[in-house]
Amino acid sequence: MITPELLARINELARKKRTVGLTDEELAEQKELYKIYLAAIRGQVMSLLDSIEFVDGRSGR
């Protein structure tokens, strides 16, 4: 699940990476946080796609 804390930490690490760089531990943490974030996004997309119902508008003609 994407929490405000997760997003805040991802953004914090991204800012630090651009400015002063990250330690090996922080790089590993960033990689893990990205995995969690992307898994949550993929889950949301799959849930949305699973809820779509296709209706053939040509039936009855």
PDB file of N, CA and C in Angstrom:
ATOM      1  N   MET A   1       0.836  -1.176   0.000  1.00  0.00           N
ATOM      2  CA  MET A   1       0.000   0.000   0.000  1.00  0.00           C
ATOM      3  C   MET A   1       0.889   1.250   0.000  1.00  0.00           C
ATOM      4  N   ILE A   2       0.469   2.218  -0.737  1.00  0.00           N
ATOM      5  CA  ILE A   2       1.226   3.461  -0.833  1.00  0.00           C
ATOM      6  C   ILE A   2       0.749   4.392   0.274  1.00  0.00           C
ATOM      7  N   THR A   3       1.627   4.650   1.212  1.00  0.00           N
ATOM      8  CA  THR A   3       1.301   5.532   2.336  1.00  0.00           C
ATOM      9  C   THR A   3       2.010   6.869   2.149  1.00  0.00           C
ATOM     10  N   PRO A   4       1.528   7.890   2.826  1.00  0.00           N
ATOM     11  CA  PRO A   4       2.235   9.180   2.759  1.00  0.00           C
ATOM     12  C   PRO A   4       3.677   9.061   3.252  1.00  0.00           C
ATOM     13  N   GLU A   5       3.900   8.207   4.236  1.00  0.00           N
ATOM     14  CA  GLU A   5       5.255   8.011   4.755  1.00  0.00           C
ATOM     15  C   GLU A   5       6.163   7.382   3.699  1.00  0.00           C
ATOM     16  N   LEU A   6       5.630   6.406   2.958  1.00  0.00           N
ATOM     17  CA  LEU A   6       6.394   5.754   1.893  1.00  0.00           C
ATOM     18  C   LEU A   6       6.788   6.778   0.835  1.00  0.00           C
ATOM     19  N   LEU A   7       5.831   7.570   0.397  1.00  0.00           N
ATOM     20  CA  LEU A   7       6.117   8.593  -0.617  1.00  0.00           C
ATOM     21  C   LEU A   7       7.115   9.628  -0.100  1.00  0.00           C
ATOM     22  N   ALA A   8       6.964  10.013   1.153  1.00  0.00           N
ATOM     23  CA  ALA A   8       7.876  10.997   1.733  1.00  0.00           C
ATOM     24  C   ALA A   8       9.303  10.461   1.755  1.00  0.00           C
ATOM     25  N   ARG A   9       9.466   9.202   2.133  1.00  0.00           N
ATOM     26  CA  ARG A   9      10.805   8.618   2.199  1.00  0.00           C
ATOM     27  C   ARG A   9      11.402   8.461   0.796  1.00  0.00           C
ATOM     28  N   ILE A  10      10.591   8.028  -0.165  1.00  0.00           N
ATOM     29  CA  ILE A  10      11.064   7.917  -1.548  1.00  0.00           C
ATOM     30  C   ILE A  10      11.544   9.283  -2.041  1.00  0.00           C
ATOM     31  N   ASN A  11      10.757  10.312  -1.791  1.00  0.00           N
ATOM     32  CA  ASN A  11      11.120  11.658  -2.230  1.00  0.00           C
ATOM     33  C   ASN A  11      12.356  12.175  -1.507  1.00  0.00           C
ATOM     34  N   GLU A  12      12.446  11.876  -0.222  1.00  0.00           N
ATOM     35  CA  GLU A  12      13.606  12.300   0.556  1.00  0.00           C
ATOM     36  C   GLU A  12      14.889  11.679   0.000  1.00  0.00           C
ATOM     37  N   LEU A  13      14.841  10.376  -0.284  1.00  0.00           N
ATOM     38  CA  LEU A  13      16.018   9.705  -0.834  1.00  0.00           C
ATOM     39  C   LEU A  13      16.351  10.218  -2.237  1.00  0.00           C
ATOM     40  N   ALA A  14      15.329  10.503  -3.031  1.00  0.00           N
ATOM     41  CA  ALA A  14      15.557  11.020  -4.386  1.00  0.00           C
ATOM     42  C   ALA A  14      16.247  12.386  -4.327  1.00  0.00           C
ATOM     43  N   ARG A  15      15.776  13.255  -3.420  1.00  0.00           N
ATOM     44  CA  ARG A  15      16.406  14.574  -3.269  1.00  0.00           C
ATOM     45  C   ARG A  15      17.854  14.439  -2.811  1.00  0.00           C
ATOM     46  N   LYS A  16      18.069  13.561  -1.839  1.00  0.00           N
ATOM     47  CA  LYS A  16      19.425  13.372  -1.325  1.00  0.00           C
ATOM     48  C   LYS A  16      20.349  12.798  -2.400  1.00  0.00           C
ATOM     49  N   LYS A  17      19.816  11.897  -3.221  1.00  0.00           N
ATOM     50  CA  LYS A  17      20.617  11.299  -4.287  1.00  0.00           C
ATOM     51  C   LYS A  17      21.075  12.369  -5.269  1.00  0.00           C
ATOM     52  N   ARG A  18      20.181  13.316  -5.581  1.00  0.00           N
ATOM     53  CA  ARG A  18      20.529  14.386  -6.524  1.00  0.00           C
ATOM     54  C   ARG A  18      21.522  15.380  -5.934  1.00  0.00           C
ATOM     55  N   THR A  19      21.486  15.576  -4.621  1.00  0.00           N
ATOM     56  CA  THR A  19      22.322  16.611  -4.017  1.00  0.00           C
ATOM     57  C   THR A  19      23.663  16.069  -3.526  1.00  0.00           C
ATOM     58  N   VAL A  20      23.639  15.172  -2.541  1.00  0.00           N
ATOM     59  CA  VAL A  20      24.892  14.723  -1.926  1.00  0.00           C
ATOM     60  C   VAL A  20      25.215  13.266  -2.194  1.00  0.00           C
ATOM     61  N   GLY A  21      24.264  12.539  -2.761  1.00  0.00           N
ATOM     62  CA  GLY A  21      24.485  11.116  -3.021  1.00  0.00           C
ATOM     63  C   GLY A  21      23.984  10.253  -1.867  1.00  0.00           C
ATOM     64  N   LEU A  22      23.881   8.967  -2.134  1.00  0.00           N
ATOM     65  CA  LEU A  22      23.362   8.027  -1.151  1.00  0.00           C
ATOM     66  C   LEU A  22      24.426   7.014  -0.760  1.00  0.00           C
ATOM     67  N   THR A  23      24.315   6.533   0.472  1.00  0.00           N
ATOM     68  CA  THR A  23      25.186   5.456   0.918  1.00  0.00           C
ATOM     69  C   THR A  23      24.690   4.147   0.303  1.00  0.00           C
ATOM     70  N   ASP A  24      25.472   3.112   0.425  1.00  0.00           N
ATOM     71  CA  ASP A  24      25.054   1.801  -0.088  1.00  0.00           C
ATOM     72  C   ASP A  24      23.763   1.336   0.575  1.00  0.00           C
ATOM     73  N   GLU A  25      23.636   1.600   1.878  1.00  0.00           N
ATOM     74  CA  GLU A  25      22.427   1.207   2.603  1.00  0.00           C
ATOM     75  C   GLU A  25      21.210   1.979   2.094  1.00  0.00           C
ATOM     76  N   GLU A  26      21.402   3.259   1.839  1.00  0.00           N
ATOM     77  CA  GLU A  26      20.301   4.079   1.337  1.00  0.00           C
ATOM     78  C   GLU A  26      19.917   3.670  -0.086  1.00  0.00           C
ATOM     79  N   LEU A  27      20.899   3.320  -0.901  1.00  0.00           N
ATOM     80  CA  LEU A  27      20.588   2.840  -2.253  1.00  0.00           C
ATOM     81  C   LEU A  27      19.759   1.560  -2.195  1.00  0.00           C
ATOM     82  N   ALA A  28      20.124   0.655  -1.292  1.00  0.00           N
ATOM     83  CA  ALA A  28      19.365  -0.587  -1.121  1.00  0.00           C
ATOM     84  C   ALA A  28      17.951  -0.283  -0.633  1.00  0.00           C
ATOM     85  N   GLU A  29      17.831   0.649   0.304  1.00  0.00           N
ATOM     86  CA  GLU A  29      16.506   1.033   0.805  1.00  0.00           C
ATOM     87  C   GLU A  29      15.669   1.649  -0.307  1.00  0.00           C
ATOM     88  N   GLN A  30      16.284   2.509  -1.115  1.00  0.00           N
ATOM     89  CA  GLN A  30      15.564   3.152  -2.209  1.00  0.00           C
ATOM     90  C   GLN A  30      15.056   2.104  -3.195  1.00  0.00           C
ATOM     91  N   LYS A  31      15.903   1.142  -3.510  1.00  0.00           N
ATOM     92  CA  LYS A  31      15.513   0.082  -4.436  1.00  0.00           C
ATOM     93  C   LYS A  31      14.315  -0.701  -3.884  1.00  0.00           C
ATOM     94  N   GLU A  32      14.351  -1.021  -2.603  1.00  0.00           N
ATOM     95  CA  GLU A  32      13.256  -1.759  -1.981  1.00  0.00           C
ATOM     96  C   GLU A  32      11.965  -0.930  -1.946  1.00  0.00           C
ATOM     97  N   LEU A  33      12.089   0.351  -1.648  1.00  0.00           N
ATOM     98  CA  LEU A  33      10.915   1.224  -1.623  1.00  0.00           C
ATOM     99  C   LEU A  33      10.294   1.346  -3.017  1.00  0.00           C
ATOM    100  N   TYR A  34      11.144   1.424  -4.054  1.00  0.00           N
ATOM    101  CA  TYR A  34      10.634   1.471  -5.421  1.00  0.00           C
ATOM    102  C   TYR A  34       9.885   0.185  -5.761  1.00  0.00           C
ATOM    103  N   LYS A  35      10.388  -0.950  -5.303  1.00  0.00           N
ATOM    104  CA  LYS A  35       9.706  -2.235  -5.541  1.00  0.00           C
ATOM    105  C   LYS A  35       8.318  -2.221  -4.918  1.00  0.00           C
ATOM    106  N   ILE A  36       8.240  -1.755  -3.680  1.00  0.00           N
ATOM    107  CA  ILE A  36       6.954  -1.689  -2.974  1.00  0.00           C
ATOM    108  C   ILE A  36       5.999  -0.753  -3.707  1.00  0.00           C
ATOM    109  N   TYR A  37       6.502   0.414  -4.104  1.00  0.00           N
ATOM    110  CA  TYR A  37       5.690   1.413  -4.797  1.00  0.00           C
ATOM    111  C   TYR A  37       5.163   0.870  -6.118  1.00  0.00           C
ATOM    112  N   LEU A  38       6.051   0.281  -6.915  1.00  0.00           N
ATOM    113  CA  LEU A  38       5.634  -0.235  -8.222  1.00  0.00           C
ATOM    114  C   LEU A  38       4.670  -1.402  -8.093  1.00  0.00           C
ATOM    115  N   ALA A  39       4.856  -2.260  -7.098  1.00  0.00           N
ATOM    116  CA  ALA A  39       3.927  -3.367  -6.871  1.00  0.00           C
ATOM    117  C   ALA A  39       2.539  -2.832  -6.530  1.00  0.00           C
ATOM    118  N   ALA A  40       2.484  -1.780  -5.726  1.00  0.00           N
ATOM    119  CA  ALA A  40       1.198  -1.184  -5.370  1.00  0.00           C
ATOM    120  C   ALA A  40       0.519  -0.570  -6.593  1.00  0.00           C
ATOM    121  N   ILE A  41       1.277   0.129  -7.425  1.00  0.00           N
ATOM    122  CA  ILE A  41       0.719   0.731  -8.643  1.00  0.00           C
ATOM    123  C   ILE A  41       0.209  -0.361  -9.578  1.00  0.00           C
ATOM    124  N   ARG A  42       1.002  -1.410  -9.759  1.00  0.00           N
ATOM    125  CA  ARG A  42       0.569  -2.511 -10.622  1.00  0.00           C
ATOM    126  C   ARG A  42      -0.716  -3.143 -10.093  1.00  0.00           C
ATOM    127  N   GLY A  43      -0.805  -3.306  -8.775  1.00  0.00           N
ATOM    128  CA  GLY A  43      -2.014  -3.858  -8.170  1.00  0.00           C
ATOM    129  C   GLY A  43      -3.226  -2.989  -8.427  1.00  0.00           C
ATOM    130  N   GLN A  44      -3.050  -1.675  -8.331  1.00  0.00           N
ATOM    131  CA  GLN A  44      -4.151  -0.752  -8.589  1.00  0.00           C
ATOM    132  C   GLN A  44      -4.607  -0.835 -10.034  1.00  0.00           C
ATOM    133  N   VAL A  45      -3.660  -0.903 -10.955  1.00  0.00           N
ATOM    134  CA  VAL A  45      -3.995  -0.984 -12.376  1.00  0.00           C
ATOM    135  C   VAL A  45      -4.722  -2.298 -12.670  1.00  0.00           C
ATOM    136  N   MET A  46      -4.204  -3.392 -12.121  1.00  0.00           N
ATOM    137  CA  MET A  46      -4.852  -4.692 -12.351  1.00  0.00           C
ATOM    138  C   MET A  46      -6.261  -4.708 -11.774  1.00  0.00           C
ATOM    139  N   SER A  47      -6.442  -4.127 -10.610  1.00  0.00           N
ATOM    140  CA  SER A  47      -7.767  -4.060  -9.999  1.00  0.00           C
ATOM    141  C   SER A  47      -8.727  -3.259 -10.889  1.00  0.00           C
ATOM    142  N   LEU A  48      -8.242  -2.152 -11.410  1.00  0.00           N
ATOM    143  CA  LEU A  48      -9.060  -1.336 -12.302  1.00  0.00           C
ATOM    144  C   LEU A  48      -9.417  -2.106 -13.572  1.00  0.00           C
ATOM    145  N   LEU A  49      -8.420  -2.765 -14.158  1.00  0.00           N
ATOM    146  CA  LEU A  49      -8.683  -3.516 -15.384  1.00  0.00           C
ATOM    147  C   LEU A  49      -9.639  -4.680 -15.141  1.00  0.00           C
ATOM    148  N   ASP A  50      -9.534  -5.314 -13.982  1.00  0.00           N
ATOM    149  CA  ASP A  50     -10.429  -6.424 -13.659  1.00  0.00           C
ATOM    150  C   ASP A  50     -11.870  -5.976 -13.487  1.00  0.00           C
ATOM    151  N   SER A  51     -12.072  -4.702 -13.151  1.00  0.00           N
ATOM    152  CA  SER A  51     -13.424  -4.209 -12.928  1.00  0.00           C
ATOM    153  C   SER A  51     -14.089  -3.687 -14.206  1.00  0.00           C
ATOM    154  N   ILE A  52     -13.357  -3.632 -15.297  1.00  0.00           N
ATOM    155  CA  ILE A  52     -13.911  -3.135 -16.557  1.00  0.00           C
ATOM    156  C   ILE A  52     -14.766  -4.222 -17.199  1.00  0.00           C
ATOM    157  N   GLU A  53     -15.946  -3.813 -17.612  1.00  0.00           N
ATOM    158  CA  GLU A  53     -16.861  -4.736 -18.276  1.00  0.00           C
ATOM    159  C   GLU A  53     -17.063  -4.224 -19.700  1.00  0.00           C
ATOM    160  N   PHE A  54     -16.797  -5.087 -20.670  1.00  0.00           N
ATOM    161  CA  PHE A  54     -16.974  -4.713 -22.057  1.00  0.00           C
ATOM    162  C   PHE A  54     -18.397  -5.054 -22.488  1.00  0.00           C
ATOM    163  N   VAL A  55     -19.015  -4.090 -23.143  1.00  0.00           N
ATOM    164  CA  VAL A  55     -20.374  -4.268 -23.618  1.00  0.00           C
ATOM    165  C   VAL A  55     -20.364  -4.018 -25.124  1.00  0.00           C
ATOM    166  N   ASP A  56     -20.896  -4.971 -25.865  1.00  0.00           N
ATOM    167  CA  ASP A  56     -20.961  -4.830 -27.309  1.00  0.00           C
ATOM    168  C   ASP A  56     -22.205  -4.014 -27.633  1.00  0.00           C
ATOM    169  N   GLY A  57     -22.000  -2.801 -28.095  1.00  0.00           N
ATOM    170  CA  GLY A  57     -23.109  -1.908 -28.413  1.00  0.00           C
ATOM    171  C   GLY A  57     -23.846  -2.285 -29.678  1.00  0.00           C
ATOM    172  N   ARG A  58     -23.339  -3.252 -30.425  1.00  0.00           N
ATOM    173  CA  ARG A  58     -23.961  -3.645 -31.686  1.00  0.00           C
ATOM    174  C   ARG A  58     -25.012  -4.729 -31.498  1.00  0.00           C
ATOM    175  N   SER A  59     -25.115  -5.315 -30.319  1.00  0.00           N
ATOM    176  CA  SER A  59     -26.088  -6.389 -30.133  1.00  0.00           C
ATOM    177  C   SER A  59     -27.505  -5.822 -30.266  1.00  0.00           C
ATOM    178  N   GLY A  60     -28.359  -6.594 -30.853  1.00  0.00           N
ATOM    179  CA  GLY A  60     -29.747  -6.147 -31.061  1.00  0.00           C
ATOM    180  C   GLY A  60     -29.959  -5.460 -32.383  1.00  0.00           C
ATOM    181  N   ARG A  61     -28.934  -5.341 -33.185  1.00  0.00           N
ATOM    182  CA  ARG A  61     -29.094  -4.721 -34.488  1.00  0.00           C
ATOM    183  C   ARG A  61     -29.081  -5.745 -35.558  1.00  0.00           C
TER     184      ARG A  61
END
